[in-house]
């Protein structure tokens, strides 16, 4: 499957953080969300860290997930969360985090 297939996996971010105020840096920002029909979820920060999200679903199916993203400095960070299904199809959801001291 590709991004244009009608059967791409479902993916959502619960309450994107938006503006975050920190008292010290670096700061771990946590994104959580839901997915359906996926074998994995990962995140990518433009010009920043990337990694795999943690599978928090009791059934081990990534229906719920968590990503702890360490941001080293203040600024605006564009995060892309990507879910992949068994056929290689993907769904991406963007989020923006503004980190202030």
C-alpha atoms as a PDB file:
ATOM      1  CA  UNK A   1       0.000   0.000   0.000  1.00  0.00           C
ATOM      2  CA  UNK A   2       1.069   3.591  -0.433  1.00  0.00           C
ATOM      3  CA  UNK A   3      -0.051   6.881   1.064  1.00  0.00           C
ATOM      4  CA  UNK A   4      -2.631   7.187  -1.708  1.00  0.00           C
ATOM      5  CA  UNK A   5      -4.336   3.841  -0.968  1.00  0.00           C
ATOM      6  CA  UNK A   6      -7.786   4.088   0.561  1.00  0.00           C
ATOM      7  CA  UNK A   7      -6.913   1.494   3.217  1.00  0.00           C
ATOM      8  CA  UNK A   8      -4.118   3.429   4.914  1.00  0.00           C
ATOM      9  CA  UNK A   9      -3.828   2.977   8.659  1.00  0.00           C
ATOM     10  CA  UNK A  10      -5.697   5.210  11.098  1.00  0.00           C
ATOM     11  CA  UNK A  11      -3.608   7.569  13.264  1.00  0.00           C
ATOM     12  CA  UNK A  12      -4.408  10.400  15.674  1.00  0.00           C
ATOM     13  CA  UNK A  13      -2.527  12.490  18.219  1.00  0.00           C
ATOM     14  CA  UNK A  14      -4.323  13.125  21.530  1.00  0.00           C
ATOM     15  CA  UNK A  15      -4.138  16.769  22.579  1.00  0.00           C
ATOM     16  CA  UNK A  16      -1.055  18.029  20.727  1.00  0.00           C
ATOM     17  CA  UNK A  17       1.004  20.054  23.211  1.00  0.00           C
ATOM     18  CA  UNK A  18       1.037  23.357  21.283  1.00  0.00           C
ATOM     19  CA  UNK A  19       2.783  25.829  23.608  1.00  0.00           C
ATOM     20  CA  UNK A  20       4.884  24.303  26.376  1.00  0.00           C
ATOM     21  CA  UNK A  21       6.621  26.268  29.131  1.00  0.00           C
ATOM     22  CA  UNK A  22       9.734  24.764  30.693  1.00  0.00           C
ATOM     23  CA  UNK A  23      11.706  25.712  33.781  1.00  0.00           C
ATOM     24  CA  UNK A  24      14.838  23.923  32.556  1.00  0.00           C
ATOM     25  CA  UNK A  25      16.196  22.329  29.408  1.00  0.00           C
ATOM     26  CA  UNK A  26      16.323  19.816  27.882  1.00  0.00           C
ATOM     27  CA  UNK A  27      12.646  18.962  28.287  1.00  0.00           C
ATOM     28  CA  UNK A  28      10.827  15.754  27.440  1.00  0.00           C
ATOM     29  CA  UNK A  29       7.549  16.478  25.654  1.00  0.00           C
ATOM     30  CA  UNK A  30       5.150  13.542  25.581  1.00  0.00           C
ATOM     31  CA  UNK A  31       2.812  12.863  22.680  1.00  0.00           C
ATOM     32  CA  UNK A  32       0.141  10.178  22.989  1.00  0.00           C
ATOM     33  CA  UNK A  33      -2.349   8.940  20.483  1.00  0.00           C
ATOM     34  CA  UNK A  34      -4.346   6.191  18.901  1.00  0.00           C
ATOM     35  CA  UNK A  35      -3.909   4.093  15.793  1.00  0.00           C
ATOM     36  CA  UNK A  36      -5.648   1.192  14.077  1.00  0.00           C
ATOM     37  CA  UNK A  37      -4.348  -1.449  11.740  1.00  0.00           C
ATOM     38  CA  UNK A  38      -0.685  -0.603  12.292  1.00  0.00           C
ATOM     39  CA  UNK A  39       2.490  -2.496  13.092  1.00  0.00           C
ATOM     40  CA  UNK A  40       4.436   0.526  14.305  1.00  0.00           C
ATOM     41  CA  UNK A  41       4.417   4.243  15.061  1.00  0.00           C
ATOM     42  CA  UNK A  42       7.417   6.564  14.900  1.00  0.00           C
ATOM     43  CA  UNK A  43       8.080  10.274  15.217  1.00  0.00           C
ATOM     44  CA  UNK A  44      10.392  12.690  13.439  1.00  0.00           C
ATOM     45  CA  UNK A  45      11.214  16.229  14.538  1.00  0.00           C
ATOM     46  CA  UNK A  46      12.375  18.519  11.720  1.00  0.00           C
ATOM     47  CA  UNK A  47      16.070  19.165  12.394  1.00  0.00           C
ATOM     48  CA  UNK A  48      15.757  17.224  15.641  1.00  0.00           C
ATOM     49  CA  UNK A  49      15.359  13.785  17.171  1.00  0.00           C
ATOM     50  CA  UNK A  50      13.434  10.856  15.747  1.00  0.00           C
ATOM     51  CA  UNK A  51      12.521   7.464  17.091  1.00  0.00           C
ATOM     52  CA  UNK A  52       9.936   4.791  17.698  1.00  0.00           C
ATOM     53  CA  UNK A  53       6.840   5.415  19.770  1.00  0.00           C
ATOM     54  CA  UNK A  54       6.122   3.074  22.657  1.00  0.00           C
ATOM     55  CA  UNK A  55       3.253   0.645  22.180  1.00  0.00           C
ATOM     56  CA  UNK A  56       0.958   1.152  25.195  1.00  0.00           C
ATOM     57  CA  UNK A  57      -1.942  -1.009  24.005  1.00  0.00           C
ATOM     58  CA  UNK A  58      -2.734  -4.053  26.176  1.00  0.00           C
ATOM     59  CA  UNK A  59      -3.212  -6.153  23.044  1.00  0.00           C
ATOM     60  CA  UNK A  60       0.147  -5.034  21.600  1.00  0.00           C
ATOM     61  CA  UNK A  61      -1.518  -3.633  18.478  1.00  0.00           C
ATOM     62  CA  UNK A  62      -0.443   0.043  18.766  1.00  0.00           C
ATOM     63  CA  UNK A  63      -4.089   1.065  19.260  1.00  0.00           C
ATOM     64  CA  UNK A  64      -2.583   3.414  21.857  1.00  0.00           C
ATOM     65  CA  UNK A  65       0.962   4.753  21.778  1.00  0.00           C
ATOM     66  CA  UNK A  66       3.299   7.170  23.574  1.00  0.00           C
ATOM     67  CA  UNK A  67       6.336   9.098  22.347  1.00  0.00           C
ATOM     68  CA  UNK A  68       8.659  10.891  24.752  1.00  0.00           C
ATOM     69  CA  UNK A  69      10.547  13.481  22.699  1.00  0.00           C
ATOM     70  CA  UNK A  70      13.493  15.280  24.275  1.00  0.00           C
ATOM     71  CA  UNK A  71      13.789  18.857  23.030  1.00  0.00           C
ATOM     72  CA  UNK A  72      17.150  20.496  23.807  1.00  0.00           C
ATOM     73  CA  UNK A  73      16.311  24.165  23.414  1.00  0.00           C
ATOM     74  CA  UNK A  74      13.465  26.656  23.049  1.00  0.00           C
ATOM     75  CA  UNK A  75      11.820  27.258  19.708  1.00  0.00           C
ATOM     76  CA  UNK A  76       9.153  25.950  17.395  1.00  0.00           C
ATOM     77  CA  UNK A  77       9.428  22.268  16.557  1.00  0.00           C
ATOM     78  CA  UNK A  78       7.555  20.518  13.768  1.00  0.00           C
ATOM     79  CA  UNK A  79       6.837  16.902  14.638  1.00  0.00           C
ATOM     80  CA  UNK A  80       5.587  14.292  12.201  1.00  0.00           C
ATOM     81  CA  UNK A  81       4.100  11.079  13.583  1.00  0.00           C
ATOM     82  CA  UNK A  82       4.039   8.186  11.110  1.00  0.00           C
ATOM     83  CA  UNK A  83       2.078   4.930  11.426  1.00  0.00           C
ATOM     84  CA  UNK A  84       2.917   1.957   9.224  1.00  0.00           C
ATOM     85  CA  UNK A  85       0.745  -1.066   8.483  1.00  0.00           C
ATOM     86  CA  UNK A  86       1.787  -4.635   7.622  1.00  0.00           C
ATOM     87  CA  UNK A  87       1.611  -3.876   3.885  1.00  0.00           C
ATOM     88  CA  UNK A  88       3.941  -0.876   4.176  1.00  0.00           C
ATOM     89  CA  UNK A  89       1.146   1.699   3.910  1.00  0.00           C
ATOM     90  CA  UNK A  90       1.649   4.822   5.981  1.00  0.00           C
ATOM     91  CA  UNK A  91      -0.354   7.619   7.541  1.00  0.00           C
ATOM     92  CA  UNK A  92       1.294  10.806   8.793  1.00  0.00           C
ATOM     93  CA  UNK A  93      -0.049  13.372  11.249  1.00  0.00           C
ATOM     94  CA  UNK A  94       1.778  16.646  11.923  1.00  0.00           C
ATOM     95  CA  UNK A  95       2.014  18.526  15.215  1.00  0.00           C
ATOM     96  CA  UNK A  96       3.773  21.703  16.287  1.00  0.00           C
ATOM     97  CA  UNK A  97       5.387  22.255  19.680  1.00  0.00           C
ATOM     98  CA  UNK A  98       6.420  25.738  20.787  1.00  0.00           C
ATOM     99  CA  UNK A  99       8.844  25.451  23.691  1.00  0.00           C
ATOM    100  CA  UNK A 100       9.361  28.527  25.916  1.00  0.00           C
ATOM    101  CA  UNK A 101      11.257  29.154  29.124  1.00  0.00           C
END
